[in-house]
């Protein structure tokens, strides 16, 4: 809960585990 907003542009496509990345966000 550190951030009011989390954003990612043209990078999620390059992540090896999208579900894990979204859970972390």
PDBML (XML) file of the C-alpha atoms, coordinates in Angstrom:
<?xml version="1.0" encoding="UTF-8" ?>
<PDBx:datablock datablockName="MODEL"
   xmlns:PDBx="http://pdbml.pdb.org/schema/pdbx-v50.xsd"
   xmlns:xsi="http://www.w3.org/2001/XMLSchema-instance"
   xsi:schemaLocation="http://pdbml.pdb.org/schema/pdbx-v50.xsd pdbx-v50.xsd">
   <PDBx:atom_siteCategory>
      <PDBx:atom_site id="1">
         <PDBx:B_iso_or_equiv>0.00</PDBx:B_iso_or_equiv>
         <PDBx:Cartn_x>0.000</PDBx:Cartn_x>
         <PDBx:Cartn_y>0.000</PDBx:Cartn_y>
         <PDBx:Cartn_z>0.000</PDBx:Cartn_z>
         <PDBx:auth_asym_id>A</PDBx:auth_asym_id>
         <PDBx:auth_atom_id>CA</PDBx:auth_atom_id>
         <PDBx:auth_comp_id>UNK</PDBx:auth_comp_id>
         <PDBx:auth_seq_id>1</PDBx:auth_seq_id>
         <PDBx:group_PDB>ATOM</PDBx:group_PDB>
         <PDBx:label_alt_id xsi:nil="true" />
         <PDBx:label_asym_id>A</PDBx:label_asym_id>
         <PDBx:label_atom_id>CA</PDBx:label_atom_id>
         <PDBx:label_comp_id>UNK</PDBx:label_comp_id>
         <PDBx:label_entity_id>1</PDBx:label_entity_id>
         <PDBx:label_seq_id>1</PDBx:label_seq_id>
         <PDBx:occupancy>1.00</PDBx:occupancy>
         <PDBx:pdbx_PDB_model_num>1</PDBx:pdbx_PDB_model_num>
         <PDBx:type_symbol>C</PDBx:type_symbol>
      </PDBx:atom_site>
      <PDBx:atom_site id="2">
         <PDBx:B_iso_or_equiv>0.00</PDBx:B_iso_or_equiv>
         <PDBx:Cartn_x>2.848</PDBx:Cartn_x>
         <PDBx:Cartn_y>2.430</PDBx:Cartn_y>
         <PDBx:Cartn_z>-0.623</PDBx:Cartn_z>
         <PDBx:auth_asym_id>A</PDBx:auth_asym_id>
         <PDBx:auth_atom_id>CA</PDBx:auth_atom_id>
         <PDBx:auth_comp_id>UNK</PDBx:auth_comp_id>
         <PDBx:auth_seq_id>2</PDBx:auth_seq_id>
         <PDBx:group_PDB>ATOM</PDBx:group_PDB>
         <PDBx:label_alt_id xsi:nil="true" />
         <PDBx:label_asym_id>A</PDBx:label_asym_id>
         <PDBx:label_atom_id>CA</PDBx:label_atom_id>
         <PDBx:label_comp_id>UNK</PDBx:label_comp_id>
         <PDBx:label_entity_id>1</PDBx:label_entity_id>
         <PDBx:label_seq_id>2</PDBx:label_seq_id>
         <PDBx:occupancy>1.00</PDBx:occupancy>
         <PDBx:pdbx_PDB_model_num>1</PDBx:pdbx_PDB_model_num>
         <PDBx:type_symbol>C</PDBx:type_symbol>
      </PDBx:atom_site>
      <PDBx:atom_site id="3">
         <PDBx:B_iso_or_equiv>0.00</PDBx:B_iso_or_equiv>
         <PDBx:Cartn_x>1.507</PDBx:Cartn_x>
         <PDBx:Cartn_y>4.118</PDBx:Cartn_y>
         <PDBx:Cartn_z>-3.764</PDBx:Cartn_z>
         <PDBx:auth_asym_id>A</PDBx:auth_asym_id>
         <PDBx:auth_atom_id>CA</PDBx:auth_atom_id>
         <PDBx:auth_comp_id>UNK</PDBx:auth_comp_id>
         <PDBx:auth_seq_id>3</PDBx:auth_seq_id>
         <PDBx:group_PDB>ATOM</PDBx:group_PDB>
         <PDBx:label_alt_id xsi:nil="true" />
         <PDBx:label_asym_id>A</PDBx:label_asym_id>
         <PDBx:label_atom_id>CA</PDBx:label_atom_id>
         <PDBx:label_comp_id>UNK</PDBx:label_comp_id>
         <PDBx:label_entity_id>1</PDBx:label_entity_id>
         <PDBx:label_seq_id>3</PDBx:label_seq_id>
         <PDBx:occupancy>1.00</PDBx:occupancy>
         <PDBx:pdbx_PDB_model_num>1</PDBx:pdbx_PDB_model_num>
         <PDBx:type_symbol>C</PDBx:type_symbol>
      </PDBx:atom_site>
      <PDBx:atom_site id="4">
         <PDBx:B_iso_or_equiv>0.00</PDBx:B_iso_or_equiv>
         <PDBx:Cartn_x>-1.624</PDBx:Cartn_x>
         <PDBx:Cartn_y>6.061</PDBx:Cartn_y>
         <PDBx:Cartn_z>-4.659</PDBx:Cartn_z>
         <PDBx:auth_asym_id>A</PDBx:auth_asym_id>
         <PDBx:auth_atom_id>CA</PDBx:auth_atom_id>
         <PDBx:auth_comp_id>UNK</PDBx:auth_comp_id>
         <PDBx:auth_seq_id>4</PDBx:auth_seq_id>
         <PDBx:group_PDB>ATOM</PDBx:group_PDB>
         <PDBx:label_alt_id xsi:nil="true" />
         <PDBx:label_asym_id>A</PDBx:label_asym_id>
         <PDBx:label_atom_id>CA</PDBx:label_atom_id>
         <PDBx:label_comp_id>UNK</PDBx:label_comp_id>
         <PDBx:label_entity_id>1</PDBx:label_entity_id>
         <PDBx:label_seq_id>4</PDBx:label_seq_id>
         <PDBx:occupancy>1.00</PDBx:occupancy>
         <PDBx:pdbx_PDB_model_num>1</PDBx:pdbx_PDB_model_num>
         <PDBx:type_symbol>C</PDBx:type_symbol>
      </PDBx:atom_site>
      <PDBx:atom_site id="5">
         <PDBx:B_iso_or_equiv>0.00</PDBx:B_iso_or_equiv>
         <PDBx:Cartn_x>-1.225</PDBx:Cartn_x>
         <PDBx:Cartn_y>4.993</PDBx:Cartn_y>
         <PDBx:Cartn_z>-8.264</PDBx:Cartn_z>
         <PDBx:auth_asym_id>A</PDBx:auth_asym_id>
         <PDBx:auth_atom_id>CA</PDBx:auth_atom_id>
         <PDBx:auth_comp_id>UNK</PDBx:auth_comp_id>
         <PDBx:auth_seq_id>5</PDBx:auth_seq_id>
         <PDBx:group_PDB>ATOM</PDBx:group_PDB>
         <PDBx:label_alt_id xsi:nil="true" />
         <PDBx:label_asym_id>A</PDBx:label_asym_id>
         <PDBx:label_atom_id>CA</PDBx:label_atom_id>
         <PDBx:label_comp_id>UNK</PDBx:label_comp_id>
         <PDBx:label_entity_id>1</PDBx:label_entity_id>
         <PDBx:label_seq_id>5</PDBx:label_seq_id>
         <PDBx:occupancy>1.00</PDBx:occupancy>
         <PDBx:pdbx_PDB_model_num>1</PDBx:pdbx_PDB_model_num>
         <PDBx:type_symbol>C</PDBx:type_symbol>
      </PDBx:atom_site>
      <PDBx:atom_site id="6">
         <PDBx:B_iso_or_equiv>0.00</PDBx:B_iso_or_equiv>
         <PDBx:Cartn_x>0.787</PDBx:Cartn_x>
         <PDBx:Cartn_y>2.338</PDBx:Cartn_y>
         <PDBx:Cartn_z>-10.064</PDBx:Cartn_z>
         <PDBx:auth_asym_id>A</PDBx:auth_asym_id>
         <PDBx:auth_atom_id>CA</PDBx:auth_atom_id>
         <PDBx:auth_comp_id>UNK</PDBx:auth_comp_id>
         <PDBx:auth_seq_id>6</PDBx:auth_seq_id>
         <PDBx:group_PDB>ATOM</PDBx:group_PDB>
         <PDBx:label_alt_id xsi:nil="true" />
         <PDBx:label_asym_id>A</PDBx:label_asym_id>
         <PDBx:label_atom_id>CA</PDBx:label_atom_id>
         <PDBx:label_comp_id>UNK</PDBx:label_comp_id>
         <PDBx:label_entity_id>1</PDBx:label_entity_id>
         <PDBx:label_seq_id>6</PDBx:label_seq_id>
         <PDBx:occupancy>1.00</PDBx:occupancy>
         <PDBx:pdbx_PDB_model_num>1</PDBx:pdbx_PDB_model_num>
         <PDBx:type_symbol>C</PDBx:type_symbol>
      </PDBx:atom_site>
      <PDBx:atom_site id="7">
         <PDBx:B_iso_or_equiv>0.00</PDBx:B_iso_or_equiv>
         <PDBx:Cartn_x>1.242</PDBx:Cartn_x>
         <PDBx:Cartn_y>2.621</PDBx:Cartn_y>
         <PDBx:Cartn_z>-13.802</PDBx:Cartn_z>
         <PDBx:auth_asym_id>A</PDBx:auth_asym_id>
         <PDBx:auth_atom_id>CA</PDBx:auth_atom_id>
         <PDBx:auth_comp_id>UNK</PDBx:auth_comp_id>
         <PDBx:auth_seq_id>7</PDBx:auth_seq_id>
         <PDBx:group_PDB>ATOM</PDBx:group_PDB>
         <PDBx:label_alt_id xsi:nil="true" />
         <PDBx:label_asym_id>A</PDBx:label_asym_id>
         <PDBx:label_atom_id>CA</PDBx:label_atom_id>
         <PDBx:label_comp_id>UNK</PDBx:label_comp_id>
         <PDBx:label_entity_id>1</PDBx:label_entity_id>
         <PDBx:label_seq_id>7</PDBx:label_seq_id>
         <PDBx:occupancy>1.00</PDBx:occupancy>
         <PDBx:pdbx_PDB_model_num>1</PDBx:pdbx_PDB_model_num>
         <PDBx:type_symbol>C</PDBx:type_symbol>
      </PDBx:atom_site>
      <PDBx:atom_site id="8">
         <PDBx:B_iso_or_equiv>0.00</PDBx:B_iso_or_equiv>
         <PDBx:Cartn_x>3.122</PDBx:Cartn_x>
         <PDBx:Cartn_y>0.730</PDBx:Cartn_y>
         <PDBx:Cartn_z>-16.486</PDBx:Cartn_z>
         <PDBx:auth_asym_id>A</PDBx:auth_asym_id>
         <PDBx:auth_atom_id>CA</PDBx:auth_atom_id>
         <PDBx:auth_comp_id>UNK</PDBx:auth_comp_id>
         <PDBx:auth_seq_id>8</PDBx:auth_seq_id>
         <PDBx:group_PDB>ATOM</PDBx:group_PDB>
         <PDBx:label_alt_id xsi:nil="true" />
         <PDBx:label_asym_id>A</PDBx:label_asym_id>
         <PDBx:label_atom_id>CA</PDBx:label_atom_id>
         <PDBx:label_comp_id>UNK</PDBx:label_comp_id>
         <PDBx:label_entity_id>1</PDBx:label_entity_id>
         <PDBx:label_seq_id>8</PDBx:label_seq_id>
         <PDBx:occupancy>1.00</PDBx:occupancy>
         <PDBx:pdbx_PDB_model_num>1</PDBx:pdbx_PDB_model_num>
         <PDBx:type_symbol>C</PDBx:type_symbol>
      </PDBx:atom_site>
      <PDBx:atom_site id="9">
         <PDBx:B_iso_or_equiv>0.00</PDBx:B_iso_or_equiv>
         <PDBx:Cartn_x>3.396</PDBx:Cartn_x>
         <PDBx:Cartn_y>1.691</PDBx:Cartn_y>
         <PDBx:Cartn_z>-20.151</PDBx:Cartn_z>
         <PDBx:auth_asym_id>A</PDBx:auth_asym_id>
         <PDBx:auth_atom_id>CA</PDBx:auth_atom_id>
         <PDBx:auth_comp_id>UNK</PDBx:auth_comp_id>
         <PDBx:auth_seq_id>9</PDBx:auth_seq_id>
         <PDBx:group_PDB>ATOM</PDBx:group_PDB>
         <PDBx:label_alt_id xsi:nil="true" />
         <PDBx:label_asym_id>A</PDBx:label_asym_id>
         <PDBx:label_atom_id>CA</PDBx:label_atom_id>
         <PDBx:label_comp_id>UNK</PDBx:label_comp_id>
         <PDBx:label_entity_id>1</PDBx:label_entity_id>
         <PDBx:label_seq_id>9</PDBx:label_seq_id>
         <PDBx:occupancy>1.00</PDBx:occupancy>
         <PDBx:pdbx_PDB_model_num>1</PDBx:pdbx_PDB_model_num>
         <PDBx:type_symbol>C</PDBx:type_symbol>
      </PDBx:atom_site>
      <PDBx:atom_site id="10">
         <PDBx:B_iso_or_equiv>0.00</PDBx:B_iso_or_equiv>
         <PDBx:Cartn_x>4.539</PDBx:Cartn_x>
         <PDBx:Cartn_y>-0.759</PDBx:Cartn_y>
         <PDBx:Cartn_z>-22.819</PDBx:Cartn_z>
         <PDBx:auth_asym_id>A</PDBx:auth_asym_id>
         <PDBx:auth_atom_id>CA</PDBx:auth_atom_id>
         <PDBx:auth_comp_id>UNK</PDBx:auth_comp_id>
         <PDBx:auth_seq_id>10</PDBx:auth_seq_id>
         <PDBx:group_PDB>ATOM</PDBx:group_PDB>
         <PDBx:label_alt_id xsi:nil="true" />
         <PDBx:label_asym_id>A</PDBx:label_asym_id>
         <PDBx:label_atom_id>CA</PDBx:label_atom_id>
         <PDBx:label_comp_id>UNK</PDBx:label_comp_id>
         <PDBx:label_entity_id>1</PDBx:label_entity_id>
         <PDBx:label_seq_id>10</PDBx:label_seq_id>
         <PDBx:occupancy>1.00</PDBx:occupancy>
         <PDBx:pdbx_PDB_model_num>1</PDBx:pdbx_PDB_model_num>
         <PDBx:type_symbol>C</PDBx:type_symbol>
      </PDBx:atom_site>
      <PDBx:atom_site id="11">
         <PDBx:B_iso_or_equiv>0.00</PDBx:B_iso_or_equiv>
         <PDBx:Cartn_x>6.251</PDBx:Cartn_x>
         <PDBx:Cartn_y>-2.937</PDBx:Cartn_y>
         <PDBx:Cartn_z>-20.233</PDBx:Cartn_z>
         <PDBx:auth_asym_id>A</PDBx:auth_asym_id>
         <PDBx:auth_atom_id>CA</PDBx:auth_atom_id>
         <PDBx:auth_comp_id>UNK</PDBx:auth_comp_id>
         <PDBx:auth_seq_id>11</PDBx:auth_seq_id>
         <PDBx:group_PDB>ATOM</PDBx:group_PDB>
         <PDBx:label_alt_id xsi:nil="true" />
         <PDBx:label_asym_id>A</PDBx:label_asym_id>
         <PDBx:label_atom_id>CA</PDBx:label_atom_id>
         <PDBx:label_comp_id>UNK</PDBx:label_comp_id>
         <PDBx:label_entity_id>1</PDBx:label_entity_id>
         <PDBx:label_seq_id>11</PDBx:label_seq_id>
         <PDBx:occupancy>1.00</PDBx:occupancy>
         <PDBx:pdbx_PDB_model_num>1</PDBx:pdbx_PDB_model_num>
         <PDBx:type_symbol>C</PDBx:type_symbol>
      </PDBx:atom_site>
      <PDBx:atom_site id="12">
         <PDBx:B_iso_or_equiv>0.00</PDBx:B_iso_or_equiv>
         <PDBx:Cartn_x>3.773</PDBx:Cartn_x>
         <PDBx:Cartn_y>-5.505</PDBx:Cartn_y>
         <PDBx:Cartn_z>-18.966</PDBx:Cartn_z>
         <PDBx:auth_asym_id>A</PDBx:auth_asym_id>
         <PDBx:auth_atom_id>CA</PDBx:auth_atom_id>
         <PDBx:auth_comp_id>UNK</PDBx:auth_comp_id>
         <PDBx:auth_seq_id>12</PDBx:auth_seq_id>
         <PDBx:group_PDB>ATOM</PDBx:group_PDB>
         <PDBx:label_alt_id xsi:nil="true" />
         <PDBx:label_asym_id>A</PDBx:label_asym_id>
         <PDBx:label_atom_id>CA</PDBx:label_atom_id>
         <PDBx:label_comp_id>UNK</PDBx:label_comp_id>
         <PDBx:label_entity_id>1</PDBx:label_entity_id>
         <PDBx:label_seq_id>12</PDBx:label_seq_id>
         <PDBx:occupancy>1.00</PDBx:occupancy>
         <PDBx:pdbx_PDB_model_num>1</PDBx:pdbx_PDB_model_num>
         <PDBx:type_symbol>C</PDBx:type_symbol>
      </PDBx:atom_site>
      <PDBx:atom_site id="13">
         <PDBx:B_iso_or_equiv>0.00</PDBx:B_iso_or_equiv>
         <PDBx:Cartn_x>4.114</PDBx:Cartn_x>
         <PDBx:Cartn_y>-7.297</PDBx:Cartn_y>
         <PDBx:Cartn_z>-22.295</PDBx:Cartn_z>
         <PDBx:auth_asym_id>A</PDBx:auth_asym_id>
         <PDBx:auth_atom_id>CA</PDBx:auth_atom_id>
         <PDBx:auth_comp_id>UNK</PDBx:auth_comp_id>
         <PDBx:auth_seq_id>13</PDBx:auth_seq_id>
         <PDBx:group_PDB>ATOM</PDBx:group_PDB>
         <PDBx:label_alt_id xsi:nil="true" />
         <PDBx:label_asym_id>A</PDBx:label_asym_id>
         <PDBx:label_atom_id>CA</PDBx:label_atom_id>
         <PDBx:label_comp_id>UNK</PDBx:label_comp_id>
         <PDBx:label_entity_id>1</PDBx:label_entity_id>
         <PDBx:label_seq_id>13</PDBx:label_seq_id>
         <PDBx:occupancy>1.00</PDBx:occupancy>
         <PDBx:pdbx_PDB_model_num>1</PDBx:pdbx_PDB_model_num>
         <PDBx:type_symbol>C</PDBx:type_symbol>
      </PDBx:atom_site>
      <PDBx:atom_site id="14">
         <PDBx:B_iso_or_equiv>0.00</PDBx:B_iso_or_equiv>
         <PDBx:Cartn_x>7.785</PDBx:Cartn_x>
         <PDBx:Cartn_y>-7.955</PDBx:Cartn_y>
         <PDBx:Cartn_z>-21.495</PDBx:Cartn_z>
         <PDBx:auth_asym_id>A</PDBx:auth_asym_id>
         <PDBx:auth_atom_id>CA</PDBx:auth_atom_id>
         <PDBx:auth_comp_id>UNK</PDBx:auth_comp_id>
         <PDBx:auth_seq_id>14</PDBx:auth_seq_id>
         <PDBx:group_PDB>ATOM</PDBx:group_PDB>
         <PDBx:label_alt_id xsi:nil="true" />
         <PDBx:label_asym_id>A</PDBx:label_asym_id>
         <PDBx:label_atom_id>CA</PDBx:label_atom_id>
         <PDBx:label_comp_id>UNK</PDBx:label_comp_id>
         <PDBx:label_entity_id>1</PDBx:label_entity_id>
         <PDBx:label_seq_id>14</PDBx:label_seq_id>
         <PDBx:occupancy>1.00</PDBx:occupancy>
         <PDBx:pdbx_PDB_model_num>1</PDBx:pdbx_PDB_model_num>
         <PDBx:type_symbol>C</PDBx:type_symbol>
      </PDBx:atom_site>
      <PDBx:atom_site id="15">
         <PDBx:B_iso_or_equiv>0.00</PDBx:B_iso_or_equiv>
         <PDBx:Cartn_x>7.235</PDBx:Cartn_x>
         <PDBx:Cartn_y>-9.478</PDBx:Cartn_y>
         <PDBx:Cartn_z>-18.049</PDBx:Cartn_z>
         <PDBx:auth_asym_id>A</PDBx:auth_asym_id>
         <PDBx:auth_atom_id>CA</PDBx:auth_atom_id>
         <PDBx:auth_comp_id>UNK</PDBx:auth_comp_id>
         <PDBx:auth_seq_id>15</PDBx:auth_seq_id>
         <PDBx:group_PDB>ATOM</PDBx:group_PDB>
         <PDBx:label_alt_id xsi:nil="true" />
         <PDBx:label_asym_id>A</PDBx:label_asym_id>
         <PDBx:label_atom_id>CA</PDBx:label_atom_id>
         <PDBx:label_comp_id>UNK</PDBx:label_comp_id>
         <PDBx:label_entity_id>1</PDBx:label_entity_id>
         <PDBx:label_seq_id>15</PDBx:label_seq_id>
         <PDBx:occupancy>1.00</PDBx:occupancy>
         <PDBx:pdbx_PDB_model_num>1</PDBx:pdbx_PDB_model_num>
         <PDBx:type_symbol>C</PDBx:type_symbol>
      </PDBx:atom_site>
      <PDBx:atom_site id="16">
         <PDBx:B_iso_or_equiv>0.00</PDBx:B_iso_or_equiv>
         <PDBx:Cartn_x>7.875</PDBx:Cartn_x>
         <PDBx:Cartn_y>-13.206</PDBx:Cartn_y>
         <PDBx:Cartn_z>-17.698</PDBx:Cartn_z>
         <PDBx:auth_asym_id>A</PDBx:auth_asym_id>
         <PDBx:auth_atom_id>CA</PDBx:auth_atom_id>
         <PDBx:auth_comp_id>UNK</PDBx:auth_comp_id>
         <PDBx:auth_seq_id>16</PDBx:auth_seq_id>
         <PDBx:group_PDB>ATOM</PDBx:group_PDB>
         <PDBx:label_alt_id xsi:nil="true" />
         <PDBx:label_asym_id>A</PDBx:label_asym_id>
         <PDBx:label_atom_id>CA</PDBx:label_atom_id>
         <PDBx:label_comp_id>UNK</PDBx:label_comp_id>
         <PDBx:label_entity_id>1</PDBx:label_entity_id>
         <PDBx:label_seq_id>16</PDBx:label_seq_id>
         <PDBx:occupancy>1.00</PDBx:occupancy>
         <PDBx:pdbx_PDB_model_num>1</PDBx:pdbx_PDB_model_num>
         <PDBx:type_symbol>C</PDBx:type_symbol>
      </PDBx:atom_site>
      <PDBx:atom_site id="17">
         <PDBx:B_iso_or_equiv>0.00</PDBx:B_iso_or_equiv>
         <PDBx:Cartn_x>4.925</PDBx:Cartn_x>
         <PDBx:Cartn_y>-13.741</PDBx:Cartn_y>
         <PDBx:Cartn_z>-15.299</PDBx:Cartn_z>
         <PDBx:auth_asym_id>A</PDBx:auth_asym_id>
         <PDBx:auth_atom_id>CA</PDBx:auth_atom_id>
         <PDBx:auth_comp_id>UNK</PDBx:auth_comp_id>
         <PDBx:auth_seq_id>17</PDBx:auth_seq_id>
         <PDBx:group_PDB>ATOM</PDBx:group_PDB>
         <PDBx:label_alt_id xsi:nil="true" />
         <PDBx:label_asym_id>A</PDBx:label_asym_id>
         <PDBx:label_atom_id>CA</PDBx:label_atom_id>
         <PDBx:label_comp_id>UNK</PDBx:label_comp_id>
         <PDBx:label_entity_id>1</PDBx:label_entity_id>
         <PDBx:label_seq_id>17</PDBx:label_seq_id>
         <PDBx:occupancy>1.00</PDBx:occupancy>
         <PDBx:pdbx_PDB_model_num>1</PDBx:pdbx_PDB_model_num>
         <PDBx:type_symbol>C</PDBx:type_symbol>
      </PDBx:atom_site>
      <PDBx:atom_site id="18">
         <PDBx:B_iso_or_equiv>0.00</PDBx:B_iso_or_equiv>
         <PDBx:Cartn_x>2.118</PDBx:Cartn_x>
         <PDBx:Cartn_y>-11.250</PDBx:Cartn_y>
         <PDBx:Cartn_z>-15.929</PDBx:Cartn_z>
         <PDBx:auth_asym_id>A</PDBx:auth_asym_id>
         <PDBx:auth_atom_id>CA</PDBx:auth_atom_id>
         <PDBx:auth_comp_id>UNK</PDBx:auth_comp_id>
         <PDBx:auth_seq_id>18</PDBx:auth_seq_id>
         <PDBx:group_PDB>ATOM</PDBx:group_PDB>
         <PDBx:label_alt_id xsi:nil="true" />
         <PDBx:label_asym_id>A</PDBx:label_asym_id>
         <PDBx:label_atom_id>CA</PDBx:label_atom_id>
         <PDBx:label_comp_id>UNK</PDBx:label_comp_id>
         <PDBx:label_entity_id>1</PDBx:label_entity_id>
         <PDBx:label_seq_id>18</PDBx:label_seq_id>
         <PDBx:occupancy>1.00</PDBx:occupancy>
         <PDBx:pdbx_PDB_model_num>1</PDBx:pdbx_PDB_model_num>
         <PDBx:type_symbol>C</PDBx:type_symbol>
      </PDBx:atom_site>
      <PDBx:atom_site id="19">
         <PDBx:B_iso_or_equiv>0.00</PDBx:B_iso_or_equiv>
         <PDBx:Cartn_x>-0.183</PDBx:Cartn_x>
         <PDBx:Cartn_y>-12.591</PDBx:Cartn_y>
         <PDBx:Cartn_z>-13.203</PDBx:Cartn_z>
         <PDBx:auth_asym_id>A</PDBx:auth_asym_id>
         <PDBx:auth_atom_id>CA</PDBx:auth_atom_id>
         <PDBx:auth_comp_id>UNK</PDBx:auth_comp_id>
         <PDBx:auth_seq_id>19</PDBx:auth_seq_id>
         <PDBx:group_PDB>ATOM</PDBx:group_PDB>
         <PDBx:label_alt_id xsi:nil="true" />
         <PDBx:label_asym_id>A</PDBx:label_asym_id>
         <PDBx:label_atom_id>CA</PDBx:label_atom_id>
         <PDBx:label_comp_id>UNK</PDBx:label_comp_id>
         <PDBx:label_entity_id>1</PDBx:label_entity_id>
         <PDBx:label_seq_id>19</PDBx:label_seq_id>
         <PDBx:occupancy>1.00</PDBx:occupancy>
         <PDBx:pdbx_PDB_model_num>1</PDBx:pdbx_PDB_model_num>
         <PDBx:type_symbol>C</PDBx:type_symbol>
      </PDBx:atom_site>
      <PDBx:atom_site id="20">
         <PDBx:B_iso_or_equiv>0.00</PDBx:B_iso_or_equiv>
         <PDBx:Cartn_x>2.550</PDBx:Cartn_x>
         <PDBx:Cartn_y>-12.315</PDBx:Cartn_y>
         <PDBx:Cartn_z>-10.596</PDBx:Cartn_z>
         <PDBx:auth_asym_id>A</PDBx:auth_asym_id>
         <PDBx:auth_atom_id>CA</PDBx:auth_atom_id>
         <PDBx:auth_comp_id>UNK</PDBx:auth_comp_id>
         <PDBx:auth_seq_id>20</PDBx:auth_seq_id>
         <PDBx:group_PDB>ATOM</PDBx:group_PDB>
         <PDBx:label_alt_id xsi:nil="true" />
         <PDBx:label_asym_id>A</PDBx:label_asym_id>
         <PDBx:label_atom_id>CA</PDBx:label_atom_id>
         <PDBx:label_comp_id>UNK</PDBx:label_comp_id>
         <PDBx:label_entity_id>1</PDBx:label_entity_id>
         <PDBx:label_seq_id>20</PDBx:label_seq_id>
         <PDBx:occupancy>1.00</PDBx:occupancy>
         <PDBx:pdbx_PDB_model_num>1</PDBx:pdbx_PDB_model_num>
         <PDBx:type_symbol>C</PDBx:type_symbol>
      </PDBx:atom_site>
      <PDBx:atom_site id="21">
         <PDBx:B_iso_or_equiv>0.00</PDBx:B_iso_or_equiv>
         <PDBx:Cartn_x>3.417</PDBx:Cartn_x>
         <PDBx:Cartn_y>-8.786</PDBx:Cartn_y>
         <PDBx:Cartn_z>-11.716</PDBx:Cartn_z>
         <PDBx:auth_asym_id>A</PDBx:auth_asym_id>
         <PDBx:auth_atom_id>CA</PDBx:auth_atom_id>
         <PDBx:auth_comp_id>UNK</PDBx:auth_comp_id>
         <PDBx:auth_seq_id>21</PDBx:auth_seq_id>
         <PDBx:group_PDB>ATOM</PDBx:group_PDB>
         <PDBx:label_alt_id xsi:nil="true" />
         <PDBx:label_asym_id>A</PDBx:label_asym_id>
         <PDBx:label_atom_id>CA</PDBx:label_atom_id>
         <PDBx:label_comp_id>UNK</PDBx:label_comp_id>
         <PDBx:label_entity_id>1</PDBx:label_entity_id>
         <PDBx:label_seq_id>21</PDBx:label_seq_id>
         <PDBx:occupancy>1.00</PDBx:occupancy>
         <PDBx:pdbx_PDB_model_num>1</PDBx:pdbx_PDB_model_num>
         <PDBx:type_symbol>C</PDBx:type_symbol>
      </PDBx:atom_site>
      <PDBx:atom_site id="22">
         <PDBx:B_iso_or_equiv>0.00</PDBx:B_iso_or_equiv>
         <PDBx:Cartn_x>-0.218</PDBx:Cartn_x>
         <PDBx:Cartn_y>-7.668</PDBx:Cartn_y>
         <PDBx:Cartn_z>-11.496</PDBx:Cartn_z>
         <PDBx:auth_asym_id>A</PDBx:auth_asym_id>
         <PDBx:auth_atom_id>CA</PDBx:auth_atom_id>
         <PDBx:auth_comp_id>UNK</PDBx:auth_comp_id>
         <PDBx:auth_seq_id>22</PDBx:auth_seq_id>
         <PDBx:group_PDB>ATOM</PDBx:group_PDB>
         <PDBx:label_alt_id xsi:nil="true" />
         <PDBx:label_asym_id>A</PDBx:label_asym_id>
         <PDBx:label_atom_id>CA</PDBx:label_atom_id>
         <PDBx:label_comp_id>UNK</PDBx:label_comp_id>
         <PDBx:label_entity_id>1</PDBx:label_entity_id>
         <PDBx:label_seq_id>22</PDBx:label_seq_id>
         <PDBx:occupancy>1.00</PDBx:occupancy>
         <PDBx:pdbx_PDB_model_num>1</PDBx:pdbx_PDB_model_num>
         <PDBx:type_symbol>C</PDBx:type_symbol>
      </PDBx:atom_site>
      <PDBx:atom_site id="23">
         <PDBx:B_iso_or_equiv>0.00</PDBx:B_iso_or_equiv>
         <PDBx:Cartn_x>-0.482</PDBx:Cartn_x>
         <PDBx:Cartn_y>-9.206</PDBx:Cartn_y>
         <PDBx:Cartn_z>-8.019</PDBx:Cartn_z>
         <PDBx:auth_asym_id>A</PDBx:auth_asym_id>
         <PDBx:auth_atom_id>CA</PDBx:auth_atom_id>
         <PDBx:auth_comp_id>UNK</PDBx:auth_comp_id>
         <PDBx:auth_seq_id>23</PDBx:auth_seq_id>
         <PDBx:group_PDB>ATOM</PDBx:group_PDB>
         <PDBx:label_alt_id xsi:nil="true" />
         <PDBx:label_asym_id>A</PDBx:label_asym_id>
         <PDBx:label_atom_id>CA</PDBx:label_atom_id>
         <PDBx:label_comp_id>UNK</PDBx:label_comp_id>
         <PDBx:label_entity_id>1</PDBx:label_entity_id>
         <PDBx:label_seq_id>23</PDBx:label_seq_id>
         <PDBx:occupancy>1.00</PDBx:occupancy>
         <PDBx:pdbx_PDB_model_num>1</PDBx:pdbx_PDB_model_num>
         <PDBx:type_symbol>C</PDBx:type_symbol>
      </PDBx:atom_site>
      <PDBx:atom_site id="24">
         <PDBx:B_iso_or_equiv>0.00</PDBx:B_iso_or_equiv>
         <PDBx:Cartn_x>2.598</PDBx:Cartn_x>
         <PDBx:Cartn_y>-7.261</PDBx:Cartn_y>
         <PDBx:Cartn_z>-6.951</PDBx:Cartn_z>
         <PDBx:auth_asym_id>A</PDBx:auth_asym_id>
         <PDBx:auth_atom_id>CA</PDBx:auth_atom_id>
         <PDBx:auth_comp_id>UNK</PDBx:auth_comp_id>
         <PDBx:auth_seq_id>24</PDBx:auth_seq_id>
         <PDBx:group_PDB>ATOM</PDBx:group_PDB>
         <PDBx:label_alt_id xsi:nil="true" />
         <PDBx:label_asym_id>A</PDBx:label_asym_id>
         <PDBx:label_atom_id>CA</PDBx:label_atom_id>
         <PDBx:label_comp_id>UNK</PDBx:label_comp_id>
         <PDBx:label_entity_id>1</PDBx:label_entity_id>
         <PDBx:label_seq_id>24</PDBx:label_seq_id>
         <PDBx:occupancy>1.00</PDBx:occupancy>
         <PDBx:pdbx_PDB_model_num>1</PDBx:pdbx_PDB_model_num>
         <PDBx:type_symbol>C</PDBx:type_symbol>
      </PDBx:atom_site>
      <PDBx:atom_site id="25">
         <PDBx:B_iso_or_equiv>0.00</PDBx:B_iso_or_equiv>
         <PDBx:Cartn_x>1.198</PDBx:Cartn_x>
         <PDBx:Cartn_y>-4.031</PDBx:Cartn_y>
         <PDBx:Cartn_z>-8.360</PDBx:Cartn_z>
         <PDBx:auth_asym_id>A</PDBx:auth_asym_id>
         <PDBx:auth_atom_id>CA</PDBx:auth_atom_id>
         <PDBx:auth_comp_id>UNK</PDBx:auth_comp_id>
         <PDBx:auth_seq_id>25</PDBx:auth_seq_id>
         <PDBx:group_PDB>ATOM</PDBx:group_PDB>
         <PDBx:label_alt_id xsi:nil="true" />
         <PDBx:label_asym_id>A</PDBx:label_asym_id>
         <PDBx:label_atom_id>CA</PDBx:label_atom_id>
         <PDBx:label_comp_id>UNK</PDBx:label_comp_id>
         <PDBx:label_entity_id>1</PDBx:label_entity_id>
         <PDBx:label_seq_id>25</PDBx:label_seq_id>
         <PDBx:occupancy>1.00</PDBx:occupancy>
         <PDBx:pdbx_PDB_model_num>1</PDBx:pdbx_PDB_model_num>
         <PDBx:type_symbol>C</PDBx:type_symbol>
      </PDBx:atom_site>
   </PDBx:atom_siteCategory>
</PDBx:datablock>
